[in-house]
Amino acid sequence: MISVTRIVITDPELISKLAGANGQIIFEGPNGNQVRTVETVPFGKLPPGVKSPVSDKEFEEARKSPDSGITLDEFWKRVERGEWR
């Protein structure tokens, strides 16, 4: 399991800079010392080291069968019954 730290940013200028950043981001303190380095991950792409529980081959097979799987309604019913969390 990947550890997640949530930090809320309220400075609009900083939010804009972070939203437009690509690749590696280096956070520095007021004295110029590096505090932390992070890497941006494009939407739809898993972070490095995270493996999908479904293989690419399984995805391709599922795409070939449009009626495979369950409806969204059935999914939520299963979640409510505690079958998936």
PDB file of N, CA and C in Angstrom:
ATOM      1  N   MET A   1       0.847  -1.185   0.000  1.00  0.00           N
ATOM      2  CA  MET A   1       0.000   0.000   0.000  1.00  0.00           C
ATOM      3  C   MET A   1       0.887   1.241   0.000  1.00  0.00           C
ATOM      4  N   ILE A   2       0.499   2.229  -0.769  1.00  0.00           N
ATOM      5  CA  ILE A   2       1.272   3.455  -0.884  1.00  0.00           C
ATOM      6  C   ILE A   2       0.805   4.443   0.166  1.00  0.00           C
ATOM      7  N   SER A   3       1.750   5.038   0.867  1.00  0.00           N
ATOM      8  CA  SER A   3       1.439   6.051   1.863  1.00  0.00           C
ATOM      9  C   SER A   3       1.084   7.359   1.159  1.00  0.00           C
ATOM     10  N   VAL A   4       0.073   8.046   1.670  1.00  0.00           N
ATOM     11  CA  VAL A   4      -0.366   9.309   1.072  1.00  0.00           C
ATOM     12  C   VAL A   4      -0.374  10.384   2.149  1.00  0.00           C
ATOM     13  N   THR A   5       0.248  11.518   1.838  1.00  0.00           N
ATOM     14  CA  THR A   5       0.212  12.676   2.715  1.00  0.00           C
ATOM     15  C   THR A   5      -0.562  13.767   1.990  1.00  0.00           C
ATOM     16  N   ARG A   6      -1.572  14.319   2.635  1.00  0.00           N
ATOM     17  CA  ARG A   6      -2.390  15.354   2.015  1.00  0.00           C
ATOM     18  C   ARG A   6      -2.030  16.702   2.641  1.00  0.00           C
ATOM     19  N   ILE A   7      -1.692  17.659   1.768  1.00  0.00           N
ATOM     20  CA  ILE A   7      -1.375  19.015   2.201  1.00  0.00           C
ATOM     21  C   ILE A   7      -2.276  19.960   1.410  1.00  0.00           C
ATOM     22  N   VAL A   8      -3.022  20.815   2.094  1.00  0.00           N
ATOM     23  CA  VAL A   8      -3.934  21.746   1.430  1.00  0.00           C
ATOM     24  C   VAL A   8      -3.190  23.049   1.150  1.00  0.00           C
ATOM     25  N   ILE A   9      -3.252  23.488  -0.093  1.00  0.00           N
ATOM     26  CA  ILE A   9      -2.586  24.722  -0.514  1.00  0.00           C
ATOM     27  C   ILE A   9      -3.665  25.755  -0.805  1.00  0.00           C
ATOM     28  N   THR A  10      -3.534  26.929  -0.209  1.00  0.00           N
ATOM     29  CA  THR A  10      -4.543  27.976  -0.402  1.00  0.00           C
ATOM     30  C   THR A  10      -4.031  29.145  -1.244  1.00  0.00           C
ATOM     31  N   ASP A  11      -2.744  29.199  -1.520  1.00  0.00           N
ATOM     32  CA  ASP A  11      -2.151  30.279  -2.298  1.00  0.00           C
ATOM     33  C   ASP A  11      -2.463  30.053  -3.787  1.00  0.00           C
ATOM     34  N   PRO A  12      -3.293  30.917  -4.408  1.00  0.00           N
ATOM     35  CA  PRO A  12      -3.689  30.718  -5.803  1.00  0.00           C
ATOM     36  C   PRO A  12      -2.498  30.661  -6.773  1.00  0.00           C
ATOM     37  N   GLU A  13      -1.469  31.453  -6.534  1.00  0.00           N
ATOM     38  CA  GLU A  13      -0.301  31.453  -7.413  1.00  0.00           C
ATOM     39  C   GLU A  13       0.439  30.112  -7.341  1.00  0.00           C
ATOM     40  N   LEU A  14       0.591  29.579  -6.144  1.00  0.00           N
ATOM     41  CA  LEU A  14       1.258  28.294  -5.968  1.00  0.00           C
ATOM     42  C   LEU A  14       0.423  27.166  -6.572  1.00  0.00           C
ATOM     43  N   ILE A  15      -0.891  27.236  -6.389  1.00  0.00           N
ATOM     44  CA  ILE A  15      -1.774  26.225  -6.982  1.00  0.00           C
ATOM     45  C   ILE A  15      -1.603  26.222  -8.500  1.00  0.00           C
ATOM     46  N   SER A  16      -1.543  27.391  -9.101  1.00  0.00           N
ATOM     47  CA  SER A  16      -1.383  27.506 -10.545  1.00  0.00           C
ATOM     48  C   SER A  16      -0.048  26.907 -10.998  1.00  0.00           C
ATOM     49  N   LYS A  17       1.027  27.199 -10.262  1.00  0.00           N
ATOM     50  CA  LYS A  17       2.353  26.658 -10.604  1.00  0.00           C
ATOM     51  C   LYS A  17       2.354  25.130 -10.520  1.00  0.00           C
ATOM     52  N   LEU A  18       1.767  24.597  -9.461  1.00  0.00           N
ATOM     53  CA  LEU A  18       1.743  23.145  -9.291  1.00  0.00           C
ATOM     54  C   LEU A  18       0.876  22.473 -10.354  1.00  0.00           C
ATOM     55  N   ALA A  19      -0.262  23.085 -10.678  1.00  0.00           N
ATOM     56  CA  ALA A  19      -1.168  22.510 -11.666  1.00  0.00           C
ATOM     57  C   ALA A  19      -0.520  22.443 -13.045  1.00  0.00           C
ATOM     58  N   GLY A  20       0.364  23.386 -13.343  1.00  0.00           N
ATOM     59  CA  GLY A  20       1.017  23.421 -14.649  1.00  0.00           C
ATOM     60  C   GLY A  20       2.348  22.703 -14.703  1.00  0.00           C
ATOM     61  N   ALA A  21       2.768  22.125 -13.594  1.00  0.00           N
ATOM     62  CA  ALA A  21       4.074  21.474 -13.539  1.00  0.00           C
ATOM     63  C   ALA A  21       4.068  20.116 -14.227  1.00  0.00           C
ATOM     64  N   ASN A  22       5.189  19.785 -14.828  1.00  0.00           N
ATOM     65  CA  ASN A  22       5.399  18.467 -15.434  1.00  0.00           C
ATOM     66  C   ASN A  22       6.709  17.908 -14.906  1.00  0.00           C
ATOM     67  N   GLY A  23       6.795  16.597 -14.848  1.00  0.00           N
ATOM     68  CA  GLY A  23       8.043  15.974 -14.413  1.00  0.00           C
ATOM     69  C   GLY A  23       8.279  16.137 -12.929  1.00  0.00           C
ATOM     70  N   GLN A  24       9.527  16.374 -12.580  1.00  0.00           N
ATOM     71  CA  GLN A  24       9.916  16.443 -11.175  1.00  0.00           C
ATOM     72  C   GLN A  24       9.658  17.843 -10.593  1.00  0.00           C
ATOM     73  N   ILE A  25       9.183  17.879  -9.348  1.00  0.00           N
ATOM     74  CA  ILE A  25       8.970  19.135  -8.632  1.00  0.00           C
ATOM     75  C   ILE A  25       9.845  19.099  -7.387  1.00  0.00           C
ATOM     76  N   ILE A  26      10.631  20.147  -7.192  1.00  0.00           N
ATOM     77  CA  ILE A  26      11.499  20.236  -6.018  1.00  0.00           C
ATOM     78  C   ILE A  26      10.944  21.317  -5.100  1.00  0.00           C
ATOM     79  N   PHE A  27      10.610  20.934  -3.869  1.00  0.00           N
ATOM     80  CA  PHE A  27      10.128  21.880  -2.878  1.00  0.00           C
ATOM     81  C   PHE A  27      11.315  22.344  -2.048  1.00  0.00           C
ATOM     82  N   GLU A  28      11.431  23.661  -1.889  1.00  0.00           N
ATOM     83  CA  GLU A  28      12.522  24.245  -1.108  1.00  0.00           C
ATOM     84  C   GLU A  28      11.958  25.094   0.017  1.00  0.00           C
ATOM     85  N   GLY A  29      12.662  25.116   1.129  1.00  0.00           N
ATOM     86  CA  GLY A  29      12.298  25.967   2.243  1.00  0.00           C
ATOM     87  C   GLY A  29      12.746  27.392   1.971  1.00  0.00           C
ATOM     88  N   PRO A  30      12.411  28.345   2.872  1.00  0.00           N
ATOM     89  CA  PRO A  30      12.767  29.747   2.656  1.00  0.00           C
ATOM     90  C   PRO A  30      14.276  29.994   2.578  1.00  0.00           C
ATOM     91  N   ASN A  31      15.067  29.089   3.172  1.00  0.00           N
ATOM     92  CA  ASN A  31      16.524  29.253   3.130  1.00  0.00           C
ATOM     93  C   ASN A  31      17.143  28.581   1.904  1.00  0.00           C
ATOM     94  N   GLY A  32      16.318  28.004   1.020  1.00  0.00           N
ATOM     95  CA  GLY A  32      16.809  27.392  -0.209  1.00  0.00           C
ATOM     96  C   GLY A  32      17.138  25.911  -0.083  1.00  0.00           C
ATOM     97  N   ASN A  33      17.016  25.369   1.120  1.00  0.00           N
ATOM     98  CA  ASN A  33      17.288  23.939   1.298  1.00  0.00           C
ATOM     99  C   ASN A  33      16.143  23.109   0.728  1.00  0.00           C
ATOM    100  N   GLN A  34      16.508  22.017   0.065  1.00  0.00           N
ATOM    101  CA  GLN A  34      15.508  21.126  -0.503  1.00  0.00           C
ATOM    102  C   GLN A  34      14.766  20.402   0.604  1.00  0.00           C
ATOM    103  N   VAL A  35      13.435  20.479   0.573  1.00  0.00           N
ATOM    104  CA  VAL A  35      12.587  19.829   1.581  1.00  0.00           C
ATOM    105  C   VAL A  35      12.109  18.475   1.069  1.00  0.00           C
ATOM    106  N   ARG A  36      11.656  18.438  -0.179  1.00  0.00           N
ATOM    107  CA  ARG A  36      11.091  17.205  -0.733  1.00  0.00           C
ATOM    108  C   ARG A  36      11.095  17.307  -2.258  1.00  0.00           C
ATOM    109  N   THR A  37      11.225  16.172  -2.910  1.00  0.00           N
ATOM    110  CA  THR A  37      11.123  16.092  -4.362  1.00  0.00           C
ATOM    111  C   THR A  37       9.997  15.121  -4.692  1.00  0.00           C
ATOM    112  N   VAL A  38       9.144  15.521  -5.615  1.00  0.00           N
ATOM    113  CA  VAL A  38       8.051  14.649  -6.052  1.00  0.00           C
ATOM    114  C   VAL A  38       8.039  14.618  -7.574  1.00  0.00           C
ATOM    115  N   GLU A  39       7.386  13.616  -8.116  1.00  0.00           N
ATOM    116  CA  GLU A  39       7.269  13.489  -9.568  1.00  0.00           C
ATOM    117  C   GLU A  39       5.797  13.473  -9.937  1.00  0.00           C
ATOM    118  N   THR A  40       5.430  14.246 -10.944  1.00  0.00           N
ATOM    119  CA  THR A  40       4.040  14.271 -11.380  1.00  0.00           C
ATOM    120  C   THR A  40       3.734  12.983 -12.140  1.00  0.00           C
ATOM    121  N   VAL A  41       2.491  12.544 -12.047  1.00  0.00           N
ATOM    122  CA  VAL A  41       2.044  11.343 -12.748  1.00  0.00           C
ATOM    123  C   VAL A  41       0.850  11.731 -13.605  1.00  0.00           C
ATOM    124  N   PRO A  42       0.931  11.524 -14.919  1.00  0.00           N
ATOM    125  CA  PRO A  42      -0.203  11.880 -15.784  1.00  0.00           C
ATOM    126  C   PRO A  42      -1.467  11.104 -15.394  1.00  0.00           C
ATOM    127  N   PHE A  43      -2.628  11.724 -15.586  1.00  0.00           N
ATOM    128  CA  PHE A  43      -3.887  11.054 -15.306  1.00  0.00           C
ATOM    129  C   PHE A  43      -3.984   9.806 -16.170  1.00  0.00           C
ATOM    130  N   GLY A  44      -4.466   8.738 -15.590  1.00  0.00           N
ATOM    131  CA  GLY A  44      -4.622   7.488 -16.327  1.00  0.00           C
ATOM    132  C   GLY A  44      -3.386   6.628 -16.358  1.00  0.00           C
ATOM    133  N   LYS A  45      -2.302   7.098 -15.756  1.00  0.00           N
ATOM    134  CA  LYS A  45      -1.060   6.325 -15.721  1.00  0.00           C
ATOM    135  C   LYS A  45      -0.734   6.007 -14.267  1.00  0.00           C
ATOM    136  N   LEU A  46      -0.373   4.767 -14.015  1.00  0.00           N
ATOM    137  CA  LEU A  46      -0.039   4.376 -12.650  1.00  0.00           C
ATOM    138  C   LEU A  46       1.333   4.913 -12.266  1.00  0.00           C
ATOM    139  N   PRO A  47       1.511   5.289 -11.004  1.00  0.00           N
ATOM    140  CA  PRO A  47       2.822   5.746 -10.545  1.00  0.00           C
ATOM    141  C   PRO A  47       3.854   4.622 -10.655  1.00  0.00           C
ATOM    142  N   PRO A  48       5.130   4.973 -10.742  1.00  0.00           N
ATOM    143  CA  PRO A  48       6.176   3.948 -10.800  1.00  0.00           C
ATOM    144  C   PRO A  48       6.080   3.003  -9.604  1.00  0.00           C
ATOM    145  N   GLY A  49       6.227   1.716  -9.866  1.00  0.00           N
ATOM    146  CA  GLY A  49       6.194   0.726  -8.798  1.00  0.00           C
ATOM    147  C   GLY A  49       4.806   0.190  -8.485  1.00  0.00           C
ATOM    148  N   VAL A  50       3.757   0.780  -9.077  1.00  0.00           N
ATOM    149  CA  VAL A  50       2.388   0.313  -8.829  1.00  0.00           C
ATOM    150  C   VAL A  50       1.966  -0.536 -10.021  1.00  0.00           C
ATOM    151  N   LYS A  51       1.525  -1.751  -9.746  1.00  0.00           N
ATOM    152  CA  LYS A  51       1.138  -2.677 -10.799  1.00  0.00           C
ATOM    153  C   LYS A  51      -0.382  -2.861 -10.778  1.00  0.00           C
ATOM    154  N   SER A  52      -0.987  -2.784 -11.947  1.00  0.00           N
ATOM    155  CA  SER A  52      -2.425  -2.979 -12.072  1.00  0.00           C
ATOM    156  C   SER A  52      -2.782  -4.430 -11.766  1.00  0.00           C
ATOM    157  N   PRO A  53      -3.894  -4.655 -11.065  1.00  0.00           N
ATOM    158  CA  PRO A  53      -4.315  -6.035 -10.813  1.00  0.00           C
ATOM    159  C   PRO A  53      -4.882  -6.701 -12.068  1.00  0.00           C
ATOM    160  N   VAL A  54      -5.103  -5.930 -13.128  1.00  0.00           N
ATOM    161  CA  VAL A  54      -5.632  -6.453 -14.379  1.00  0.00           C
ATOM    162  C   VAL A  54      -4.569  -6.265 -15.461  1.00  0.00           C
ATOM    163  N   SER A  55      -4.223  -7.337 -16.160  1.00  0.00           N
ATOM    164  CA  SER A  55      -3.192  -7.257 -17.193  1.00  0.00           C
ATOM    165  C   SER A  55      -3.718  -6.552 -18.438  1.00  0.00           C
ATOM    166  N   ASP A  56      -2.800  -6.068 -19.273  1.00  0.00           N
ATOM    167  CA  ASP A  56      -3.190  -5.436 -20.534  1.00  0.00           C
ATOM    168  C   ASP A  56      -3.979  -6.415 -21.399  1.00  0.00           C
ATOM    169  N   LYS A  57      -3.566  -7.693 -21.372  1.00  0.00           N
ATOM    170  CA  LYS A  57      -4.264  -8.712 -22.158  1.00  0.00           C
ATOM    171  C   LYS A  57      -5.714  -8.856 -21.677  1.00  0.00           C
ATOM    172  N   GLU A  58      -5.930  -8.841 -20.353  1.00  0.00           N
ATOM    173  CA  GLU A  58      -7.285  -8.938 -19.805  1.00  0.00           C
ATOM    174  C   GLU A  58      -8.134  -7.732 -20.214  1.00  0.00           C
ATOM    175  N   PHE A  59      -7.530  -6.538 -20.222  1.00  0.00           N
ATOM    176  CA  PHE A  59      -8.253  -5.344 -20.669  1.00  0.00           C
ATOM    177  C   PHE A  59      -8.672  -5.485 -22.127  1.00  0.00           C
ATOM    178  N   GLU A  60      -7.753  -5.942 -22.961  1.00  0.00           N
ATOM    179  CA  GLU A  60      -8.056  -6.102 -24.382  1.00  0.00           C
ATOM    180  C   GLU A  60      -9.173  -7.117 -24.595  1.00  0.00           C
ATOM    181  N   GLU A  61      -9.147  -8.223 -23.867  1.00  0.00           N
ATOM    182  CA  GLU A  61     -10.203  -9.228 -23.977  1.00  0.00           C
ATOM    183  C   GLU A  61     -11.555  -8.648 -23.547  1.00  0.00           C
ATOM    184  N   ALA A  62     -11.551  -7.863 -22.482  1.00  0.00           N
ATOM    185  CA  ALA A  62     -12.798  -7.250 -21.998  1.00  0.00           C
ATOM    186  C   ALA A  62     -13.350  -6.262 -23.018  1.00  0.00           C
ATOM    187  N   ARG A  63     -12.475  -5.537 -23.692  1.00  0.00           N
ATOM    188  CA  ARG A  63     -12.925  -4.568 -24.702  1.00  0.00           C
ATOM    189  C   ARG A  63     -13.616  -5.258 -25.876  1.00  0.00           C
ATOM    190  N   LYS A  64     -13.227  -6.493 -26.166  1.00  0.00           N
ATOM    191  CA  LYS A  64     -13.813  -7.236 -27.280  1.00  0.00           C
ATOM    192  C   LYS A  64     -15.242  -7.680 -26.967  1.00  0.00           C
ATOM    193  N   SER A  65     -15.599  -7.742 -25.705  1.00  0.00           N
ATOM    194  CA  SER A  65     -16.928  -8.184 -25.291  1.00  0.00           C
ATOM    195  C   SER A  65     -17.646  -7.039 -24.595  1.00  0.00           C
ATOM    196  N   PRO A  66     -18.359  -6.209 -25.376  1.00  0.00           N
ATOM    197  CA  PRO A  66     -18.999  -5.028 -24.788  1.00  0.00           C
ATOM    198  C   PRO A  66     -20.053  -5.345 -23.733  1.00  0.00           C
ATOM    199  N   ASP A  67     -20.586  -6.568 -23.756  1.00  0.00           N
ATOM    200  CA  ASP A  67     -21.601  -6.912 -22.777  1.00  0.00           C
ATOM    201  C   ASP A  67     -21.007  -7.644 -21.576  1.00  0.00           C
ATOM    202  N   SER A  68     -19.676  -7.717 -21.511  1.00  0.00           N
ATOM    203  CA  SER A  68     -19.063  -8.387 -20.366  1.00  0.00           C
ATOM    204  C   SER A  68     -19.090  -7.465 -19.153  1.00  0.00           C
ATOM    205  N   GLY A  69     -18.933  -8.025 -17.977  1.00  0.00           N
ATOM    206  CA  GLY A  69     -18.927  -7.225 -16.767  1.00  0.00           C
ATOM    207  C   GLY A  69     -20.332  -7.033 -16.218  1.00  0.00           C
ATOM    208  N   ILE A  70     -20.488  -5.966 -15.432  1.00  0.00           N
ATOM    209  CA  ILE A  70     -21.770  -5.690 -14.799  1.00  0.00           C
ATOM    210  C   ILE A  70     -22.141  -4.235 -15.048  1.00  0.00           C
ATOM    211  N   THR A  71     -23.398  -3.938 -14.848  1.00  0.00           N
ATOM    212  CA  THR A  71     -23.845  -2.557 -15.003  1.00  0.00           C
ATOM    213  C   THR A  71     -23.396  -1.739 -13.791  1.00  0.00           C
ATOM    214  N   LEU A  72     -23.413  -0.443 -13.936  1.00  0.00           N
ATOM    215  CA  LEU A  72     -23.067   0.436 -12.825  1.00  0.00           C
ATOM    216  C   LEU A  72     -24.043   0.241 -11.673  1.00  0.00           C
ATOM    217  N   ASP A  73     -25.312   0.052 -11.995  1.00  0.00           N
ATOM    218  CA  ASP A  73     -26.331  -0.185 -10.977  1.00  0.00           C
ATOM    219  C   ASP A  73     -26.006  -1.441 -10.171  1.00  0.00           C
ATOM    220  N   GLU A  74     -25.618  -2.525 -10.847  1.00  0.00           N
ATOM    221  CA  GLU A  74     -25.272  -3.769 -10.156  1.00  0.00           C
ATOM    222  C   GLU A  74     -24.010  -3.587  -9.318  1.00  0.00           C
ATOM    223  N   PHE A  75     -23.061  -2.817  -9.851  1.00  0.00           N
ATOM    224  CA  PHE A  75     -21.837  -2.531  -9.096  1.00  0.00           C
ATOM    225  C   PHE A  75     -22.172  -1.896  -7.750  1.00  0.00           C
ATOM    226  N   TRP A  76     -23.024  -0.847  -7.759  1.00  0.00           N
ATOM    227  CA  TRP A  76     -23.363  -0.148  -6.516  1.00  0.00           C
ATOM    228  C   TRP A  76     -24.154  -1.044  -5.569  1.00  0.00           C
ATOM    229  N   LYS A  77     -24.993  -1.909  -6.115  1.00  0.00           N
ATOM    230  CA  LYS A  77     -25.713  -2.857  -5.259  1.00  0.00           C
ATOM    231  C   LYS A  77     -24.736  -3.792  -4.550  1.00  0.00           C
ATOM    232  N   ARG A  78     -23.713  -4.241  -5.269  1.00  0.00           N
ATOM    233  CA  ARG A  78     -22.710  -5.121  -4.662  1.00  0.00           C
ATOM    234  C   ARG A  78     -21.901  -4.383  -3.595  1.00  0.00           C
ATOM    235  N   VAL A  79     -21.602  -3.123  -3.863  1.00  0.00           N
ATOM    236  CA  VAL A  79     -20.877  -2.319  -2.873  1.00  0.00           C
ATOM    237  C   VAL A  79     -21.722  -2.171  -1.611  1.00  0.00           C
ATOM    238  N   GLU A  80     -23.006  -1.870  -1.786  1.00  0.00           N
ATOM    239  CA  GLU A  80     -23.912  -1.715  -0.632  1.00  0.00           C
ATOM    240  C   GLU A  80     -24.034  -2.998   0.165  1.00  0.00           C
ATOM    241  N   ARG A  81     -23.980  -4.149  -0.516  1.00  0.00           N
ATOM    242  CA  ARG A  81     -24.044  -5.432   0.173  1.00  0.00           C
ATOM    243  C   ARG A  81     -22.721  -5.801   0.840  1.00  0.00           C
ATOM    244  N   GLY A  82     -21.696  -4.990   0.589  1.00  0.00           N
ATOM    245  CA  GLY A  82     -20.388  -5.251   1.217  1.00  0.00           C
ATOM    246  C   GLY A  82     -19.516  -6.221   0.446  1.00  0.00           C
ATOM    247  N   GLU A  83     -19.893  -6.528  -0.808  1.00  0.00           N
ATOM    248  CA  GLU A  83     -19.099  -7.458  -1.612  1.00  0.00           C
ATOM    249  C   GLU A  83     -17.807  -6.819  -2.091  1.00  0.00           C
ATOM    250  N   TRP A  84     -17.810  -5.496  -2.337  1.00  0.00           N
ATOM    251  CA  TRP A  84     -16.615  -4.766  -2.767  1.00  0.00           C
ATOM    252  C   TRP A  84     -16.463  -3.548  -1.877  1.00  0.00           C
ATOM    253  N   ARG A  85     -15.248  -3.233  -1.587  1.00  0.00           N
ATOM    254  CA  ARG A  85     -14.961  -2.035  -0.781  1.00  0.00           C
ATOM    255  C   ARG A  85     -13.893  -1.225  -1.442  1.00  0.00           C
TER     256      ARG A  85
END
